[in-house]
Amino acid sequence: MTEYTPDSWVIVKIESEQHGTIYKVLAGWSGSYLYGSSWKLSSGIVTFVDTGSYYESLQDSGSVYMLHKSSERMSSIMAQTLSTFELKLQEVNATIEVVKVQEVQTYLGKEPNA
């Protein structure tokens, strides 16, 4: 099991006729002097647990994302990546959009925390 703790993250919803609705984590990491910024799109959210200061999200691949609530935001590399995904998905009559945490919690059958 691989564990990821991104510097920034958002939840995206991908909808297509072929695959239905899939929620994923679009994650970003800040760059350094030697390495540039990076991003990763998760395989698909299976669980999304509120642990207090962060969400713990198991993915289809078995990896786990530790998502600090204070890091929920879109970095510039993530925004560029999302824009590219939007264009590619339009070609196959599918969509991608950023959604609020409450939507994925509701989708998974859990009431959002107050």
N, C-alpha and C. Protein backbone atom coordinates (compact mmCIF):
# COMPACT_ATOMS: atom_id res chain seq x y z
N MET A 1 0.85 -1.18 0.00
CA MET A 1 0.00 0.00 0.00
C MET A 1 0.89 1.25 0.00
N THR A 2 0.62 2.14 -0.92
CA THR A 2 1.34 3.40 -0.99
C THR A 2 0.49 4.49 -0.35
N GLU A 3 1.14 5.35 0.43
CA GLU A 3 0.44 6.45 1.08
C GLU A 3 0.94 7.77 0.50
N TYR A 4 0.00 8.64 0.14
CA TYR A 4 0.34 9.95 -0.42
C TYR A 4 -0.21 11.04 0.50
N THR A 5 0.60 12.08 0.71
CA THR A 5 0.17 13.26 1.45
C THR A 5 0.52 14.48 0.60
N PRO A 6 -0.41 14.92 -0.25
CA PRO A 6 -0.12 16.04 -1.15
C PRO A 6 -0.10 17.39 -0.44
N ASP A 7 0.60 18.33 -1.07
CA ASP A 7 0.64 19.71 -0.58
C ASP A 7 -0.67 20.44 -0.89
N SER A 8 -1.33 20.03 -1.96
CA SER A 8 -2.62 20.60 -2.33
C SER A 8 -3.45 19.51 -3.00
N TRP A 9 -4.78 19.64 -2.92
CA TRP A 9 -5.64 18.61 -3.48
C TRP A 9 -7.05 19.15 -3.69
N VAL A 10 -7.75 18.52 -4.62
CA VAL A 10 -9.17 18.75 -4.84
C VAL A 10 -9.80 17.41 -5.23
N ILE A 11 -11.10 17.33 -5.09
CA ILE A 11 -11.85 16.15 -5.54
C ILE A 11 -12.43 16.48 -6.91
N VAL A 12 -12.27 15.55 -7.86
CA VAL A 12 -12.86 15.74 -9.18
C VAL A 12 -13.85 14.61 -9.45
N LYS A 13 -14.88 14.95 -10.19
CA LYS A 13 -15.89 13.99 -10.62
C LYS A 13 -15.76 13.84 -12.13
N ILE A 14 -15.60 12.62 -12.58
CA ILE A 14 -15.52 12.33 -14.01
C ILE A 14 -16.77 11.54 -14.37
N GLU A 15 -17.46 12.01 -15.41
CA GLU A 15 -18.68 11.33 -15.86
C GLU A 15 -18.55 10.97 -17.33
N SER A 16 -18.89 9.72 -17.64
CA SER A 16 -18.90 9.26 -19.02
C SER A 16 -19.95 8.17 -19.17
N GLU A 17 -20.44 7.98 -20.38
CA GLU A 17 -21.40 6.91 -20.63
C GLU A 17 -20.76 5.55 -20.37
N GLN A 18 -19.52 5.40 -20.76
CA GLN A 18 -18.83 4.12 -20.67
C GLN A 18 -18.54 3.71 -19.22
N HIS A 19 -18.14 4.65 -18.37
CA HIS A 19 -17.71 4.32 -17.01
C HIS A 19 -18.61 4.87 -15.91
N GLY A 20 -19.61 5.65 -16.25
CA GLY A 20 -20.48 6.24 -15.24
C GLY A 20 -19.80 7.37 -14.51
N THR A 21 -20.06 7.48 -13.20
CA THR A 21 -19.48 8.53 -12.37
C THR A 21 -18.34 7.97 -11.54
N ILE A 22 -17.20 8.65 -11.58
CA ILE A 22 -16.03 8.26 -10.80
C ILE A 22 -15.51 9.50 -10.09
N TYR A 23 -15.24 9.37 -8.80
CA TYR A 23 -14.63 10.45 -8.03
C TYR A 23 -13.16 10.10 -7.81
N LYS A 24 -12.30 11.10 -8.00
CA LYS A 24 -10.86 10.91 -7.85
C LYS A 24 -10.26 12.09 -7.11
N VAL A 25 -9.05 11.89 -6.61
CA VAL A 25 -8.29 12.96 -5.99
C VAL A 25 -7.30 13.48 -7.02
N LEU A 26 -7.33 14.78 -7.28
CA LEU A 26 -6.29 15.43 -8.07
C LEU A 26 -5.36 16.09 -7.06
N ALA A 27 -4.13 15.59 -6.99
CA ALA A 27 -3.20 16.00 -5.95
C ALA A 27 -2.00 16.72 -6.55
N GLY A 28 -1.42 17.64 -5.78
CA GLY A 28 -0.24 18.37 -6.24
C GLY A 28 0.81 18.47 -5.15
N TRP A 29 2.05 18.52 -5.60
CA TRP A 29 3.19 18.70 -4.70
C TRP A 29 4.01 19.88 -5.19
N SER A 30 4.45 20.71 -4.26
CA SER A 30 5.28 21.87 -4.60
C SER A 30 6.64 21.40 -5.06
N GLY A 31 7.24 22.19 -5.92
CA GLY A 31 8.57 21.87 -6.41
C GLY A 31 9.66 22.39 -5.49
N SER A 32 10.87 22.05 -5.84
CA SER A 32 12.03 22.51 -5.10
C SER A 32 13.06 23.01 -6.10
N TYR A 33 14.20 23.35 -5.62
CA TYR A 33 15.27 23.83 -6.49
C TYR A 33 15.64 22.78 -7.54
N LEU A 34 15.70 21.54 -7.14
CA LEU A 34 16.12 20.46 -8.05
C LEU A 34 14.97 19.81 -8.81
N TYR A 35 13.79 19.81 -8.22
CA TYR A 35 12.66 19.12 -8.82
C TYR A 35 11.48 20.08 -8.98
N GLY A 36 10.80 19.98 -10.10
CA GLY A 36 9.66 20.84 -10.35
C GLY A 36 8.41 20.37 -9.62
N SER A 37 7.38 21.15 -9.70
CA SER A 37 6.09 20.77 -9.12
C SER A 37 5.57 19.54 -9.84
N SER A 38 4.73 18.77 -9.15
CA SER A 38 4.18 17.56 -9.76
C SER A 38 2.71 17.40 -9.37
N TRP A 39 2.04 16.50 -10.07
CA TRP A 39 0.64 16.22 -9.80
C TRP A 39 0.40 14.73 -9.96
N LYS A 40 -0.74 14.26 -9.45
CA LYS A 40 -1.14 12.87 -9.58
C LYS A 40 -2.65 12.82 -9.52
N LEU A 41 -3.23 11.98 -10.37
CA LEU A 41 -4.67 11.73 -10.34
C LEU A 41 -4.87 10.33 -9.77
N SER A 42 -5.65 10.22 -8.71
CA SER A 42 -5.83 8.92 -8.06
C SER A 42 -6.65 7.97 -8.95
N SER A 43 -6.67 6.71 -8.56
CA SER A 43 -7.34 5.68 -9.35
C SER A 43 -8.86 5.70 -9.18
N GLY A 44 -9.34 6.18 -8.08
CA GLY A 44 -10.79 6.24 -7.84
C GLY A 44 -11.07 6.06 -6.36
N ILE A 45 -11.89 6.92 -5.81
CA ILE A 45 -12.16 6.93 -4.36
C ILE A 45 -13.08 5.77 -3.99
N VAL A 46 -12.63 4.98 -3.00
CA VAL A 46 -13.41 3.88 -2.45
C VAL A 46 -14.01 4.30 -1.10
N THR A 47 -13.17 4.89 -0.24
CA THR A 47 -13.64 5.41 1.05
C THR A 47 -13.11 6.83 1.22
N PHE A 48 -13.81 7.58 2.06
CA PHE A 48 -13.43 8.97 2.32
C PHE A 48 -13.81 9.26 3.77
N VAL A 49 -12.83 9.12 4.67
CA VAL A 49 -13.09 9.18 6.11
C VAL A 49 -12.56 10.48 6.70
N ASP A 50 -13.42 11.18 7.42
CA ASP A 50 -13.03 12.41 8.11
C ASP A 50 -12.41 12.02 9.45
N THR A 51 -11.13 12.30 9.63
CA THR A 51 -10.44 11.94 10.87
C THR A 51 -10.23 13.14 11.79
N GLY A 52 -10.76 14.27 11.42
CA GLY A 52 -10.59 15.49 12.22
C GLY A 52 -9.88 16.56 11.42
N SER A 53 -8.56 16.54 11.40
CA SER A 53 -7.80 17.56 10.67
C SER A 53 -7.51 17.17 9.22
N TYR A 54 -7.78 15.91 8.88
CA TYR A 54 -7.56 15.47 7.51
C TYR A 54 -8.56 14.38 7.12
N TYR A 55 -8.66 14.13 5.81
CA TYR A 55 -9.46 13.03 5.29
C TYR A 55 -8.51 11.91 4.89
N GLU A 56 -8.91 10.69 5.14
CA GLU A 56 -8.16 9.52 4.71
C GLU A 56 -8.99 8.85 3.62
N SER A 57 -8.39 8.69 2.44
CA SER A 57 -9.15 8.19 1.30
C SER A 57 -8.46 6.99 0.66
N LEU A 58 -9.10 5.82 0.78
CA LEU A 58 -8.63 4.60 0.12
C LEU A 58 -9.03 4.68 -1.35
N GLN A 59 -8.13 4.23 -2.23
CA GLN A 59 -8.36 4.28 -3.67
C GLN A 59 -8.53 2.86 -4.24
N ASP A 60 -9.06 2.78 -5.45
CA ASP A 60 -9.24 1.49 -6.13
C ASP A 60 -7.94 0.70 -6.20
N SER A 61 -6.82 1.38 -6.35
CA SER A 61 -5.52 0.72 -6.48
C SER A 61 -4.99 0.17 -5.16
N GLY A 62 -5.61 0.55 -4.05
CA GLY A 62 -5.14 0.15 -2.73
C GLY A 62 -4.31 1.23 -2.05
N SER A 63 -3.94 2.27 -2.79
CA SER A 63 -3.19 3.36 -2.17
C SER A 63 -4.13 4.21 -1.30
N VAL A 64 -3.52 4.97 -0.40
CA VAL A 64 -4.28 5.81 0.53
C VAL A 64 -3.79 7.24 0.41
N TYR A 65 -4.71 8.18 0.33
CA TYR A 65 -4.38 9.60 0.30
C TYR A 65 -4.74 10.20 1.66
N MET A 66 -3.77 10.86 2.27
CA MET A 66 -3.97 11.59 3.51
C MET A 66 -4.13 13.05 3.12
N LEU A 67 -5.34 13.57 3.19
CA LEU A 67 -5.67 14.88 2.65
C LEU A 67 -5.95 15.87 3.78
N HIS A 68 -4.96 16.69 4.10
CA HIS A 68 -5.13 17.68 5.15
C HIS A 68 -6.17 18.71 4.70
N LYS A 69 -7.11 18.99 5.57
CA LYS A 69 -8.20 19.91 5.23
C LYS A 69 -7.67 21.29 4.85
N SER A 70 -6.60 21.72 5.49
CA SER A 70 -6.04 23.04 5.20
C SER A 70 -5.33 23.09 3.85
N SER A 71 -5.16 21.95 3.20
CA SER A 71 -4.47 21.89 1.90
C SER A 71 -5.43 21.76 0.72
N GLU A 72 -6.72 21.85 0.98
CA GLU A 72 -7.70 21.73 -0.11
C GLU A 72 -7.66 23.00 -0.95
N ARG A 73 -7.00 22.92 -2.08
CA ARG A 73 -6.87 24.05 -3.00
C ARG A 73 -6.27 23.56 -4.31
N MET A 74 -6.34 24.40 -5.31
CA MET A 74 -5.84 24.07 -6.65
C MET A 74 -4.54 24.82 -6.90
N SER A 75 -3.48 24.07 -7.17
CA SER A 75 -2.21 24.70 -7.54
C SER A 75 -2.22 25.00 -9.04
N SER A 76 -1.25 25.75 -9.50
CA SER A 76 -1.23 26.11 -10.94
C SER A 76 -0.99 24.87 -11.81
N ILE A 77 -0.13 23.96 -11.39
CA ILE A 77 0.10 22.76 -12.21
C ILE A 77 -1.15 21.87 -12.24
N MET A 78 -1.89 21.86 -11.14
CA MET A 78 -3.14 21.10 -11.11
C MET A 78 -4.18 21.74 -12.03
N ALA A 79 -4.26 23.06 -12.04
CA ALA A 79 -5.20 23.76 -12.92
C ALA A 79 -4.89 23.50 -14.39
N GLN A 80 -3.61 23.52 -14.74
CA GLN A 80 -3.21 23.22 -16.12
C GLN A 80 -3.58 21.79 -16.48
N THR A 81 -3.35 20.88 -15.58
CA THR A 81 -3.67 19.47 -15.81
C THR A 81 -5.17 19.28 -15.97
N LEU A 82 -5.96 19.91 -15.12
CA LEU A 82 -7.41 19.81 -15.21
C LEU A 82 -7.90 20.34 -16.55
N SER A 83 -7.35 21.44 -17.01
CA SER A 83 -7.74 22.01 -18.30
C SER A 83 -7.45 21.03 -19.44
N THR A 84 -6.30 20.37 -19.37
CA THR A 84 -5.95 19.37 -20.39
C THR A 84 -6.92 18.20 -20.35
N PHE A 85 -7.25 17.73 -19.15
CA PHE A 85 -8.22 16.63 -19.01
C PHE A 85 -9.57 17.03 -19.59
N GLU A 86 -10.02 18.27 -19.32
CA GLU A 86 -11.31 18.73 -19.84
C GLU A 86 -11.36 18.62 -21.36
N LEU A 87 -10.31 19.07 -22.02
CA LEU A 87 -10.26 19.02 -23.49
C LEU A 87 -10.26 17.59 -24.01
N LYS A 88 -9.46 16.73 -23.39
CA LYS A 88 -9.37 15.33 -23.82
C LYS A 88 -10.69 14.59 -23.60
N LEU A 89 -11.33 14.85 -22.48
CA LEU A 89 -12.57 14.16 -22.17
C LEU A 89 -13.72 14.63 -23.07
N GLN A 90 -13.69 15.89 -23.50
CA GLN A 90 -14.71 16.39 -24.43
C GLN A 90 -14.70 15.57 -25.71
N GLU A 91 -13.52 15.13 -26.14
CA GLU A 91 -13.38 14.34 -27.37
C GLU A 91 -14.11 13.01 -27.29
N VAL A 92 -14.29 12.50 -26.08
CA VAL A 92 -14.97 11.21 -25.91
C VAL A 92 -16.31 11.37 -25.19
N ASN A 93 -16.86 12.58 -25.25
CA ASN A 93 -18.16 12.90 -24.68
C ASN A 93 -18.23 12.60 -23.18
N ALA A 94 -17.20 13.01 -22.46
CA ALA A 94 -17.14 12.85 -21.01
C ALA A 94 -16.80 14.20 -20.40
N THR A 95 -16.98 14.30 -19.08
CA THR A 95 -16.71 15.56 -18.39
C THR A 95 -15.90 15.32 -17.13
N ILE A 96 -15.23 16.37 -16.68
CA ILE A 96 -14.52 16.37 -15.40
C ILE A 96 -14.78 17.72 -14.75
N GLU A 97 -15.04 17.70 -13.45
CA GLU A 97 -15.27 18.94 -12.72
C GLU A 97 -14.81 18.80 -11.28
N VAL A 98 -14.40 19.89 -10.69
CA VAL A 98 -14.04 19.93 -9.28
C VAL A 98 -15.33 20.00 -8.46
N VAL A 99 -15.40 19.16 -7.42
CA VAL A 99 -16.60 19.14 -6.57
C VAL A 99 -16.21 19.31 -5.11
N LYS A 100 -17.18 19.61 -4.30
CA LYS A 100 -16.96 19.78 -2.86
C LYS A 100 -16.88 18.40 -2.19
N VAL A 101 -16.19 18.36 -1.09
CA VAL A 101 -16.02 17.13 -0.32
C VAL A 101 -17.38 16.51 0.02
N GLN A 102 -18.36 17.34 0.37
CA GLN A 102 -19.67 16.84 0.75
C GLN A 102 -20.30 15.99 -0.35
N GLU A 103 -20.01 16.30 -1.60
CA GLU A 103 -20.60 15.53 -2.70
C GLU A 103 -20.08 14.10 -2.71
N VAL A 104 -18.79 13.92 -2.53
CA VAL A 104 -18.25 12.55 -2.52
C VAL A 104 -18.71 11.81 -1.27
N GLN A 105 -18.84 12.50 -0.15
CA GLN A 105 -19.34 11.86 1.07
C GLN A 105 -20.78 11.37 0.86
N THR A 106 -21.60 12.19 0.24
CA THR A 106 -22.98 11.81 -0.04
C THR A 106 -23.02 10.65 -1.04
N TYR A 107 -22.18 10.72 -2.07
CA TYR A 107 -22.12 9.67 -3.09
C TYR A 107 -21.75 8.33 -2.47
N LEU A 108 -20.87 8.35 -1.48
CA LEU A 108 -20.45 7.11 -0.81
C LEU A 108 -21.44 6.68 0.27
N GLY A 109 -22.53 7.44 0.40
CA GLY A 109 -23.59 7.05 1.35
C GLY A 109 -23.38 7.52 2.76
N LYS A 110 -22.55 8.54 2.93
CA LYS A 110 -22.30 9.06 4.27
C LYS A 110 -22.75 10.50 4.31
N GLU A 111 -23.31 10.85 5.41
CA GLU A 111 -23.73 12.24 5.58
C GLU A 111 -22.48 13.10 5.81
N PRO A 112 -22.44 14.29 5.20
CA PRO A 112 -21.32 15.20 5.45
C PRO A 112 -21.25 15.59 6.92
N ASN A 113 -20.06 15.75 7.42
CA ASN A 113 -19.89 16.21 8.80
C ASN A 113 -20.25 17.67 8.92
N ALA A 114 -20.87 18.02 10.01
CA ALA A 114 -21.26 19.42 10.24
C ALA A 114 -20.08 20.26 10.63
